PDB file of N, CA and C in Angstrom:
ATOM      1  N   MET A   1      -8.226  30.472   2.264  1.00  0.00           N
ATOM      2  CA  MET A   1      -7.604  29.647   1.047  1.00  0.00           C
ATOM      3  C   MET A   1      -8.328  29.506  -0.047  1.00  0.00           C
ATOM      4  N   ASN A   2      -7.898  29.678  -1.293  1.00  0.00           N
ATOM      5  CA  ASN A   2      -8.936  29.617  -2.404  1.00  0.00           C
ATOM      6  C   ASN A   2      -8.605  27.915  -3.018  1.00  0.00           C
ATOM      7  N   ALA A   3      -9.575  27.242  -3.449  1.00  0.00           N
ATOM      8  CA  ALA A   3      -9.342  26.173  -4.372  1.00  0.00           C
ATOM      9  C   ALA A   3      -9.726  26.173  -5.642  1.00  0.00           C
ATOM     10  N   LEU A   4      -9.072  25.514  -6.422  1.00  0.00           N
ATOM     11  CA  LEU A   4      -9.429  25.403  -7.776  1.00  0.00           C
ATOM     12  C   LEU A   4      -9.363  23.715  -8.180  1.00  0.00           C
ATOM     13  N   THR A   5     -10.418  23.456  -8.698  1.00  0.00           N
ATOM     14  CA  THR A   5     -10.666  21.909  -9.121  1.00  0.00           C
ATOM     15  C   THR A   5     -10.719  21.944 -10.748  1.00  0.00           C
ATOM     16  N   LEU A   6      -9.654  21.238 -11.287  1.00  0.00           N
ATOM     17  CA  LEU A   6      -9.784  21.066 -12.480  1.00  0.00           C
ATOM     18  C   LEU A   6     -10.604  20.197 -13.048  1.00  0.00           C
ATOM     19  N   PRO A   7     -11.358  20.134 -14.205  1.00  0.00           N
ATOM     20  CA  PRO A   7     -12.232  19.304 -14.862  1.00  0.00           C
ATOM     21  C   PRO A   7     -11.389  18.180 -15.336  1.00  0.00           C
ATOM     22  N   ALA A   8     -12.087  16.795 -15.375  1.00  0.00           N
ATOM     23  CA  ALA A   8     -11.245  15.687 -15.957  1.00  0.00           C
ATOM     24  C   ALA A   8     -10.767  16.032 -17.573  1.00  0.00           C
ATOM     25  N   SER A   9     -11.423  16.793 -18.099  1.00  0.00           N
ATOM     26  CA  SER A   9     -11.140  17.138 -19.592  1.00  0.00           C
ATOM     27  C   SER A   9      -9.735  18.003 -19.710  1.00  0.00           C
ATOM     28  N   ALA A  10      -9.482  18.400 -18.246  1.00  0.00           N
ATOM     29  CA  ALA A  10      -8.002  19.206 -18.444  1.00  0.00           C
ATOM     30  C   ALA A  10      -6.764  18.144 -18.565  1.00  0.00           C
ATOM     31  N   ALA A  11      -7.166  17.043 -18.346  1.00  0.00           N
ATOM     32  CA  ALA A  11      -5.817  15.906 -18.265  1.00  0.00           C
ATOM     33  C   ALA A  11      -5.390  15.885 -19.753  1.00  0.00           C
ATOM     34  N   PRO A  12      -4.076  15.382 -19.669  1.00  0.00           N
ATOM     35  CA  PRO A  12      -3.570  15.530 -21.064  1.00  0.00           C
ATOM     36  C   PRO A  12      -4.328  14.392 -21.914  1.00  0.00           C
ATOM     37  N   ALA A  13      -3.948  14.527 -22.999  1.00  0.00           N
ATOM     38  CA  ALA A  13      -4.845  13.420 -24.136  1.00  0.00           C
ATOM     39  C   ALA A  13      -4.325  12.127 -23.643  1.00  0.00           C
ATOM     40  N   SER A  14      -3.078  11.774 -23.316  1.00  0.00           N
ATOM     41  CA  SER A  14      -2.828  10.429 -23.095  1.00  0.00           C
ATOM     42  C   SER A  14      -3.698   9.649 -21.957  1.00  0.00           C
ATOM     43  N   ALA A  15      -4.346  10.653 -21.011  1.00  0.00           N
ATOM     44  CA  ALA A  15      -4.958  10.058 -19.997  1.00  0.00           C
ATOM     45  C   ALA A  15      -6.246  10.048 -20.173  1.00  0.00           C
ATOM     46  N   ARG A  16      -7.047  10.519 -21.376  1.00  0.00           N
ATOM     47  CA  ARG A  16      -8.429  10.606 -21.664  1.00  0.00           C
ATOM     48  C   ARG A  16      -8.657   9.594 -22.894  1.00  0.00           C
ATOM     49  N   SER A  17      -9.882   9.250 -23.036  1.00  0.00           N
ATOM     50  CA  SER A  17     -10.446   8.545 -24.138  1.00  0.00           C
ATOM     51  C   SER A  17     -10.189   9.155 -25.311  1.00  0.00           C
ATOM     52  N   ALA A  18     -10.090   8.445 -26.458  1.00  0.00           N
ATOM     53  CA  ALA A  18      -9.664   8.974 -27.699  1.00  0.00           C
ATOM     54  C   ALA A  18     -10.798   9.818 -28.466  1.00  0.00           C
ATOM     55  N   ASP A  19     -12.162   9.507 -27.887  1.00  0.00           N
ATOM     56  CA  ASP A  19     -13.129  10.433 -28.328  1.00  0.00           C
ATOM     57  C   ASP A  19     -13.490  11.967 -27.600  1.00  0.00           C
ATOM     58  N   ALA A  20     -12.578  12.092 -26.422  1.00  0.00           N
ATOM     59  CA  ALA A  20     -12.740  13.293 -25.872  1.00  0.00           C
ATOM     60  C   ALA A  20     -11.984  14.354 -26.314  1.00  0.00           C
ATOM     61  N   PRO A  21     -12.601  15.751 -26.215  1.00  0.00           N
ATOM     62  CA  PRO A  21     -11.991  16.790 -26.989  1.00  0.00           C
ATOM     63  C   PRO A  21     -10.585  17.085 -26.441  1.00  0.00           C
ATOM     64  N   SER A  22      -9.627  17.631 -27.242  1.00  0.00           N
ATOM     65  CA  SER A  22      -8.337  17.765 -26.669  1.00  0.00           C
ATOM     66  C   SER A  22      -8.206  18.569 -25.519  1.00  0.00           C
ATOM     67  N   ALA A  23      -7.102  18.523 -25.035  1.00  0.00           N
ATOM     68  CA  ALA A  23      -6.787  19.312 -23.867  1.00  0.00           C
ATOM     69  C   ALA A  23      -6.880  21.015 -24.248  1.00  0.00           C
ATOM     70  N   PRO A  24      -7.493  21.650 -23.092  1.00  0.00           N
ATOM     71  CA  PRO A  24      -7.403  23.189 -23.438  1.00  0.00           C
ATOM     72  C   PRO A  24      -5.959  23.645 -23.115  1.00  0.00           C
ATOM     73  N   VAL A  25      -5.657  24.929 -23.568  1.00  0.00           N
ATOM     74  CA  VAL A  25      -4.607  25.615 -23.165  1.00  0.00           C
ATOM     75  C   VAL A  25      -4.937  26.443 -22.178  1.00  0.00           C
ATOM     76  N   HIS A  26      -4.341  26.657 -21.068  1.00  0.00           N
ATOM     77  CA  HIS A  26      -4.916  27.239 -19.827  1.00  0.00           C
ATOM     78  C   HIS A  26      -4.043  28.597 -20.021  1.00  0.00           C
ATOM     79  N   ALA A  27      -4.934  29.590 -19.905  1.00  0.00           N
ATOM     80  CA  ALA A  27      -4.511  30.864 -19.834  1.00  0.00           C
ATOM     81  C   ALA A  27      -4.037  31.457 -18.627  1.00  0.00           C
ATOM     82  N   PRO A  28      -3.000  32.138 -18.330  1.00  0.00           N
ATOM     83  CA  PRO A  28      -2.178  32.606 -17.267  1.00  0.00           C
ATOM     84  C   PRO A  28      -3.169  33.263 -16.377  1.00  0.00           C
ATOM     85  N   PHE A  29      -2.964  33.047 -15.068  1.00  0.00           N
ATOM     86  CA  PHE A  29      -3.955  33.819 -14.088  1.00  0.00           C
ATOM     87  C   PHE A  29      -2.739  34.469 -12.889  1.00  0.00           C
ATOM     88  N   ARG A  30      -3.350  35.467 -12.353  1.00  0.00           N
ATOM     89  CA  ARG A  30      -2.584  36.084 -11.419  1.00  0.00           C
ATOM     90  C   ARG A  30      -3.116  35.695 -10.096  1.00  0.00           C
ATOM     91  N   MET A  31      -1.612  35.702  -9.032  1.00  0.00           N
ATOM     92  CA  MET A  31      -2.057  35.500  -7.506  1.00  0.00           C
ATOM     93  C   MET A  31      -1.319  36.616  -6.750  1.00  0.00           C
ATOM     94  N   ALA A  32      -2.154  37.197  -5.991  1.00  0.00           N
ATOM     95  CA  ALA A  32      -1.831  38.118  -5.064  1.00  0.00           C
ATOM     96  C   ALA A  32      -0.367  37.953  -4.058  1.00  0.00           C
ATOM     97  N   ALA A  33       0.433  38.753  -3.945  1.00  0.00           N
ATOM     98  CA  ALA A  33       1.283  38.384  -2.774  1.00  0.00           C
ATOM     99  C   ALA A  33       0.829  37.855  -1.548  1.00  0.00           C
ATOM    100  N   GLY A  34       1.504  36.625  -1.179  1.00  0.00           N
ATOM    101  CA  GLY A  34       1.177  35.885  -0.049  1.00  0.00           C
ATOM    102  C   GLY A  34      -0.376  35.031  -0.288  1.00  0.00           C
ATOM    103  N   ALA A  35      -1.012  35.051  -1.450  1.00  0.00           N
ATOM    104  CA  ALA A  35      -1.974  34.174  -1.899  1.00  0.00           C
ATOM    105  C   ALA A  35      -1.547  32.638  -1.912  1.00  0.00           C
ATOM    106  N   VAL A  36      -2.873  31.948  -1.363  1.00  0.00           N
ATOM    107  CA  VAL A  36      -2.473  30.501  -1.376  1.00  0.00           C
ATOM    108  C   VAL A  36      -3.712  30.035  -2.075  1.00  0.00           C
ATOM    109  N   LEU A  37      -3.460  28.909  -2.857  1.00  0.00           N
ATOM    110  CA  LEU A  37      -4.487  28.298  -3.768  1.00  0.00           C
ATOM    111  C   LEU A  37      -3.981  26.807  -3.708  1.00  0.00           C
ATOM    112  N   THR A  38      -5.075  26.125  -3.506  1.00  0.00           N
ATOM    113  CA  THR A  38      -5.182  24.441  -3.467  1.00  0.00           C
ATOM    114  C   THR A  38      -5.796  24.147  -4.843  1.00  0.00           C
ATOM    115  N   LEU A  39      -4.941  23.356  -5.364  1.00  0.00           N
ATOM    116  CA  LEU A  39      -5.491  22.742  -6.681  1.00  0.00           C
ATOM    117  C   LEU A  39      -5.728  21.285  -6.514  1.00  0.00           C
ATOM    118  N   ARG A  40      -6.918  20.996  -6.772  1.00  0.00           N
ATOM    119  CA  ARG A  40      -7.476  19.636  -6.802  1.00  0.00           C
ATOM    120  C   ARG A  40      -7.762  18.924  -8.125  1.00  0.00           C
ATOM    121  N   ASN A  41      -7.102  17.813  -8.112  1.00  0.00           N
ATOM    122  CA  ASN A  41      -7.165  16.975  -9.527  1.00  0.00           C
ATOM    123  C   ASN A  41      -6.092  17.487 -10.597  1.00  0.00           C
ATOM    124  N   GLY A  42      -5.014  17.657  -9.840  1.00  0.00           N
ATOM    125  CA  GLY A  42      -3.723  18.358 -10.772  1.00  0.00           C
ATOM    126  C   GLY A  42      -3.119  17.404 -11.305  1.00  0.00           C
ATOM    127  N   ARG A  43      -3.299  16.090 -11.245  1.00  0.00           N
ATOM    128  CA  ARG A  43      -2.650  14.976 -11.723  1.00  0.00           C
ATOM    129  C   ARG A  43      -2.283  15.135 -13.310  1.00  0.00           C
ATOM    130  N   ASP A  44      -0.923  15.156 -13.525  1.00  0.00           N
ATOM    131  CA  ASP A  44      -0.342  15.009 -14.956  1.00  0.00           C
ATOM    132  C   ASP A  44      -0.555  16.638 -15.247  1.00  0.00           C
ATOM    133  N   MET A  45      -0.542  17.651 -14.513  1.00  0.00           N
ATOM    134  CA  MET A  45      -0.565  19.073 -14.881  1.00  0.00           C
ATOM    135  C   MET A  45       0.898  19.543 -14.599  1.00  0.00           C
ATOM    136  N   ARG A  46       1.383  20.853 -15.233  1.00  0.00           N
ATOM    137  CA  ARG A  46       2.672  21.318 -14.822  1.00  0.00           C
ATOM    138  C   ARG A  46       2.333  22.714 -14.728  1.00  0.00           C
ATOM    139  N   ILE A  47       3.101  23.246 -13.570  1.00  0.00           N
ATOM    140  CA  ILE A  47       3.084  24.786 -13.358  1.00  0.00           C
ATOM    141  C   ILE A  47       3.868  25.372 -13.924  1.00  0.00           C
ATOM    142  N   GLU A  48       3.760  26.602 -14.552  1.00  0.00           N
ATOM    143  CA  GLU A  48       4.630  27.530 -15.194  1.00  0.00           C
ATOM    144  C   GLU A  48       4.568  28.849 -14.819  1.00  0.00           C
ATOM    145  N   VAL A  49       5.562  29.197 -14.168  1.00  0.00           N
ATOM    146  CA  VAL A  49       5.713  30.667 -13.432  1.00  0.00           C
ATOM    147  C   VAL A  49       6.350  31.508 -14.355  1.00  0.00           C
ATOM    148  N   MET A  50       5.696  32.829 -14.762  1.00  0.00           N
ATOM    149  CA  MET A  50       6.073  33.781 -15.421  1.00  0.00           C
ATOM    150  C   MET A  50       6.636  34.909 -14.685  1.00  0.00           C
ATOM    151  N   GLU A  51       6.017  35.279 -13.576  1.00  0.00           N
ATOM    152  CA  GLU A  51       6.288  36.348 -12.628  1.00  0.00           C
ATOM    153  C   GLU A  51       6.093  35.909 -11.310  1.00  0.00           C
ATOM    154  N   GLY A  52       7.112  36.068 -10.455  1.00  0.00           N
ATOM    155  CA  GLY A  52       6.732  36.058  -8.975  1.00  0.00           C
ATOM    156  C   GLY A  52       7.583  34.687  -8.421  1.00  0.00           C
ATOM    157  N   LEU A  53       7.383  34.012  -7.308  1.00  0.00           N
ATOM    158  CA  LEU A  53       7.962  32.827  -6.797  1.00  0.00           C
ATOM    159  C   LEU A  53       7.040  32.017  -6.151  1.00  0.00           C
ATOM    160  N   LEU A  54       6.685  30.941  -6.288  1.00  0.00           N
ATOM    161  CA  LEU A  54       5.814  29.886  -5.956  1.00  0.00           C
ATOM    162  C   LEU A  54       6.319  28.864  -4.809  1.00  0.00           C
ATOM    163  N   TRP A  55       5.792  28.632  -3.810  1.00  0.00           N
ATOM    164  CA  TRP A  55       6.143  27.602  -2.932  1.00  0.00           C
ATOM    165  C   TRP A  55       5.124  26.445  -3.287  1.00  0.00           C
ATOM    166  N   VAL A  56       5.511  25.245  -3.726  1.00  0.00           N
ATOM    167  CA  VAL A  56       4.504  24.153  -4.131  1.00  0.00           C
ATOM    168  C   VAL A  56       4.772  23.021  -3.289  1.00  0.00           C
ATOM    169  N   THR A  57       3.734  22.496  -2.746  1.00  0.00           N
ATOM    170  CA  THR A  57       3.824  21.042  -1.950  1.00  0.00           C
ATOM    171  C   THR A  57       2.613  20.325  -2.624  1.00  0.00           C
ATOM    172  N   ALA A  58       3.158  19.044  -2.845  1.00  0.00           N
ATOM    173  CA  ALA A  58       2.018  18.058  -3.357  1.00  0.00           C
ATOM    174  C   ALA A  58       1.905  16.976  -2.522  1.00  0.00           C
ATOM    175  N   ALA A  59       0.590  16.287  -2.236  1.00  0.00           N
ATOM    176  CA  ALA A  59       0.530  15.377  -1.459  1.00  0.00           C
ATOM    177  C   ALA A  59       1.332  14.047  -1.897  1.00  0.00           C
ATOM    178  N   GLY A  60       1.908  13.475  -1.116  1.00  0.00           N
ATOM    179  CA  GLY A  60       2.754  12.191  -1.539  1.00  0.00           C
ATOM    180  C   GLY A  60       3.940  12.387  -2.032  1.00  0.00           C
ATOM    181  N   GLU A  61       4.536  13.659  -2.328  1.00  0.00           N
ATOM    182  CA  GLU A  61       5.703  14.006  -2.452  1.00  0.00           C
ATOM    183  C   GLU A  61       6.679  14.451  -1.186  1.00  0.00           C
ATOM    184  N   PRO A  62       7.921  13.796  -1.368  1.00  0.00           N
ATOM    185  CA  PRO A  62       8.723  13.974  -0.260  1.00  0.00           C
ATOM    186  C   PRO A  62       9.118  15.267   0.106  1.00  0.00           C
ATOM    187  N   GLN A  63       9.379  16.128  -0.865  1.00  0.00           N
ATOM    188  CA  GLN A  63       9.957  17.486  -0.781  1.00  0.00           C
ATOM    189  C   GLN A  63       8.916  18.489  -1.394  1.00  0.00           C
ATOM    190  N   ASP A  64       9.210  19.802  -0.942  1.00  0.00           N
ATOM    191  CA  ASP A  64       8.416  20.877  -1.251  1.00  0.00           C
ATOM    192  C   ASP A  64       9.234  21.674  -2.600  1.00  0.00           C
ATOM    193  N   HIS A  65       8.774  22.510  -3.218  1.00  0.00           N
ATOM    194  CA  HIS A  65       9.612  23.109  -4.401  1.00  0.00           C
ATOM    195  C   HIS A  65       9.405  24.497  -4.481  1.00  0.00           C
ATOM    196  N   PHE A  66      10.201  25.306  -4.825  1.00  0.00           N
ATOM    197  CA  PHE A  66      10.227  26.572  -5.250  1.00  0.00           C
ATOM    198  C   PHE A  66      10.214  26.661  -6.757  1.00  0.00           C
ATOM    199  N   VAL A  67       9.031  27.485  -7.317  1.00  0.00           N
ATOM    200  CA  VAL A  67       9.016  27.596  -8.919  1.00  0.00           C
ATOM    201  C   VAL A  67       9.191  29.108  -8.943  1.00  0.00           C
ATOM    202  N   ALA A  68      10.446  29.386  -9.756  1.00  0.00           N
ATOM    203  CA  ALA A  68      10.670  30.825 -10.063  1.00  0.00           C
ATOM    204  C   ALA A  68      10.281  31.262 -11.510  1.00  0.00           C
ATOM    205  N   PRO A  69      10.437  32.342 -11.905  1.00  0.00           N
ATOM    206  CA  PRO A  69      10.108  32.784 -13.204  1.00  0.00           C
ATOM    207  C   PRO A  69      11.045  31.950 -14.128  1.00  0.00           C
ATOM    208  N   CYS A  70      10.160  31.504 -15.243  1.00  0.00           N
ATOM    209  CA  CYS A  70      10.837  30.666 -16.412  1.00  0.00           C
ATOM    210  C   CYS A  70      11.036  29.212 -15.830  1.00  0.00           C
ATOM    211  N   ASP A  71      10.468  28.735 -14.721  1.00  0.00           N
ATOM    212  CA  ASP A  71      10.746  27.612 -14.332  1.00  0.00           C
ATOM    213  C   ASP A  71       9.340  26.971 -14.709  1.00  0.00           C
ATOM    214  N   ARG A  72       9.296  25.471 -14.738  1.00  0.00           N
ATOM    215  CA  ARG A  72       8.136  24.801 -14.699  1.00  0.00           C
ATOM    216  C   ARG A  72       8.339  23.457 -13.780  1.00  0.00           C
ATOM    217  N   HIS A  73       7.228  23.110 -13.239  1.00  0.00           N
ATOM    218  CA  HIS A  73       7.397  22.180 -12.291  1.00  0.00           C
ATOM    219  C   HIS A  73       6.114  21.167 -12.612  1.00  0.00           C
ATOM    220  N   GLY A  74       6.414  19.854 -13.091  1.00  0.00           N
ATOM    221  CA  GLY A  74       5.445  19.026 -13.276  1.00  0.00           C
ATOM    222  C   GLY A  74       4.866  18.225 -12.153  1.00  0.00           C
ATOM    223  N   LEU A  75       3.615  18.253 -11.951  1.00  0.00           N
ATOM    224  CA  LEU A  75       2.772  17.597 -10.698  1.00  0.00           C
ATOM    225  C   LEU A  75       2.737  16.061 -10.638  1.00  0.00           C
ATOM    226  N   GLY A  76       3.142  15.412 -11.709  1.00  0.00           N
ATOM    227  CA  GLY A  76       3.149  14.006 -11.908  1.00  0.00           C
ATOM    228  C   GLY A  76       1.795  13.593 -11.341  1.00  0.00           C
ATOM    229  N   ARG A  77       1.835  12.359 -10.518  1.00  0.00           N
ATOM    230  CA  ARG A  77       0.504  11.771 -10.016  1.00  0.00           C
ATOM    231  C   ARG A  77      -0.129  12.480  -8.985  1.00  0.00           C
ATOM    232  N   SER A  78       0.073  13.672  -8.500  1.00  0.00           N
ATOM    233  CA  SER A  78      -0.369  14.361  -7.371  1.00  0.00           C
ATOM    234  C   SER A  78      -1.613  14.982  -7.911  1.00  0.00           C
ATOM    235  N   ARG A  79      -2.502  14.514  -6.887  1.00  0.00           N
ATOM    236  CA  ARG A  79      -3.904  14.846  -7.196  1.00  0.00           C
ATOM    237  C   ARG A  79      -4.139  16.202  -6.442  1.00  0.00           C
ATOM    238  N   ASN A  80      -3.501  16.543  -5.069  1.00  0.00           N
ATOM    239  CA  ASN A  80      -3.818  17.732  -4.246  1.00  0.00           C
ATOM    240  C   ASN A  80      -2.521  18.426  -4.143  1.00  0.00           C
ATOM    241  N   VAL A  81      -2.466  19.619  -4.382  1.00  0.00           N
ATOM    242  CA  VAL A  81      -1.288  20.521  -4.628  1.00  0.00           C
ATOM    243  C   VAL A  81      -1.667  21.738  -3.916  1.00  0.00           C
ATOM    244  N   VAL A  82      -0.943  22.439  -3.034  1.00  0.00           N
ATOM    245  CA  VAL A  82      -0.884  23.579  -2.507  1.00  0.00           C
ATOM    246  C   VAL A  82       0.146  24.352  -3.058  1.00  0.00           C
ATOM    247  N   MET A  83      -0.222  25.561  -3.611  1.00  0.00           N
ATOM    248  CA  MET A  83       0.796  26.378  -4.036  1.00  0.00           C
ATOM    249  C   MET A  83       0.674  28.113  -3.423  1.00  0.00           C
ATOM    250  N   GLU A  84       1.731  28.708  -2.719  1.00  0.00           N
ATOM    251  CA  GLU A  84       1.732  29.993  -2.220  1.00  0.00           C
ATOM    252  C   GLU A  84       2.686  30.775  -2.848  1.00  0.00           C
ATOM    253  N   ASN A  85       2.025  31.955  -3.289  1.00  0.00           N
ATOM    254  CA  ASN A  85       2.857  32.896  -3.667  1.00  0.00           C
ATOM    255  C   ASN A  85       3.815  33.574  -2.703  1.00  0.00           C
ATOM    256  N   VAL A  86       4.944  33.405  -2.577  1.00  0.00           N
ATOM    257  CA  VAL A  86       5.951  33.983  -1.529  1.00  0.00           C
ATOM    258  C   VAL A  86       6.757  35.054  -1.975  1.00  0.00           C
ATOM    259  N   SER A  87       6.302  35.719  -2.890  1.00  0.00           N
ATOM    260  CA  SER A  87       7.036  37.056  -3.577  1.00  0.00           C
ATOM    261  C   SER A  87       6.285  37.970  -2.904  1.00  0.00           C
ATOM    262  N   ALA A  88       7.002  39.338  -3.137  1.00  0.00           N
ATOM    263  CA  ALA A  88       6.258  40.245  -2.365  1.00  0.00           C
ATOM    264  C   ALA A  88       5.430  41.207  -3.629  1.00  0.00           C
ATOM    265  N   ARG A  89       5.331  40.451  -4.821  1.00  0.00           N
ATOM    266  CA  ARG A  89       4.678  41.016  -5.840  1.00  0.00           C
ATOM    267  C   ARG A  89       3.419  40.138  -6.276  1.00  0.00           C
ATOM    268  N   THR A  90       2.683  40.282  -7.337  1.00  0.00           N
ATOM    269  CA  THR A  90       1.633  39.428  -8.064  1.00  0.00           C
ATOM    270  C   THR A  90       2.350  38.478  -8.674  1.00  0.00           C
ATOM    271  N   ALA A  91       2.222  37.139  -8.561  1.00  0.00           N
ATOM    272  CA  ALA A  91       2.702  36.243  -9.441  1.00  0.00           C
ATOM    273  C   ALA A  91       1.733  35.920 -10.953  1.00  0.00           C
ATOM    274  N   LEU A  92       2.519  35.454 -11.794  1.00  0.00           N
ATOM    275  CA  LEU A  92       1.710  35.104 -13.076  1.00  0.00           C
ATOM    276  C   LEU A  92       1.860  33.927 -13.260  1.00  0.00           C
ATOM    277  N   VAL A  93       0.825  32.810 -13.308  1.00  0.00           N
ATOM    278  CA  VAL A  93       0.950  31.490 -13.243  1.00  0.00           C
ATOM    279  C   VAL A  93       0.210  30.938 -14.373  1.00  0.00           C
ATOM    280  N   ARG A  94       0.490  29.773 -14.918  1.00  0.00           N
ATOM    281  CA  ARG A  94      -0.039  29.057 -15.914  1.00  0.00           C
ATOM    282  C   ARG A  94       0.040  27.661 -15.612  1.00  0.00           C
ATOM    283  N   LEU A  95      -1.456  26.846 -15.702  1.00  0.00           N
ATOM    284  CA  LEU A  95      -1.183  25.308 -15.471  1.00  0.00           C
ATOM    285  C   LEU A  95      -1.571  24.814 -16.703  1.00  0.00           C
ATOM    286  N   VAL A  96      -0.810  23.859 -17.483  1.00  0.00           N
ATOM    287  CA  VAL A  96      -0.852  23.225 -18.725  1.00  0.00           C
ATOM    288  C   VAL A  96      -0.931  21.712 -18.293  1.00  0.00           C
ATOM    289  N   PRO A  97      -1.443  20.861 -19.221  1.00  0.00           N
ATOM    290  CA  PRO A  97      -0.983  19.572 -19.408  1.00  0.00           C
ATOM    291  C   PRO A  97       0.372  19.108 -19.394  1.00  0.00           C
ATOM    292  N   ASP A  98       0.879  18.353 -18.785  1.00  0.00           N
ATOM    293  CA  ASP A  98       2.129  17.902 -18.757  1.00  0.00           C
ATOM    294  C   ASP A  98       2.593  16.720 -19.658  1.00  0.00           C
ATOM    295  N   THR A  99       2.817  17.005 -20.844  1.00  0.00           N
ATOM    296  CA  THR A  99       2.879  16.002 -21.879  1.00  0.00           C
ATOM    297  C   THR A  99       4.565  15.608 -22.248  1.00  0.00           C
TER     298      THR A  99
END
């Protein structure tokens, strides 16, 4: 399992001090079929799926979610999130601040 830790600067502007640089726009990345990624510090981020199908579970949330192409899923206050590409092909995913 791979882990991705987002720096504090990835948080939305509302969660950072006024003198911090603006939140970056995150480039899409690919996840191989069956790949699992643990996202640490995903608080206030949003998952956008352009290709593939992700299964997403977040610490503290009572339900898991499936995120399909053109879907978005806000992570809210969840810091630790596990995403798995459950499709038979590569997924194209983007993580952005959930504003």
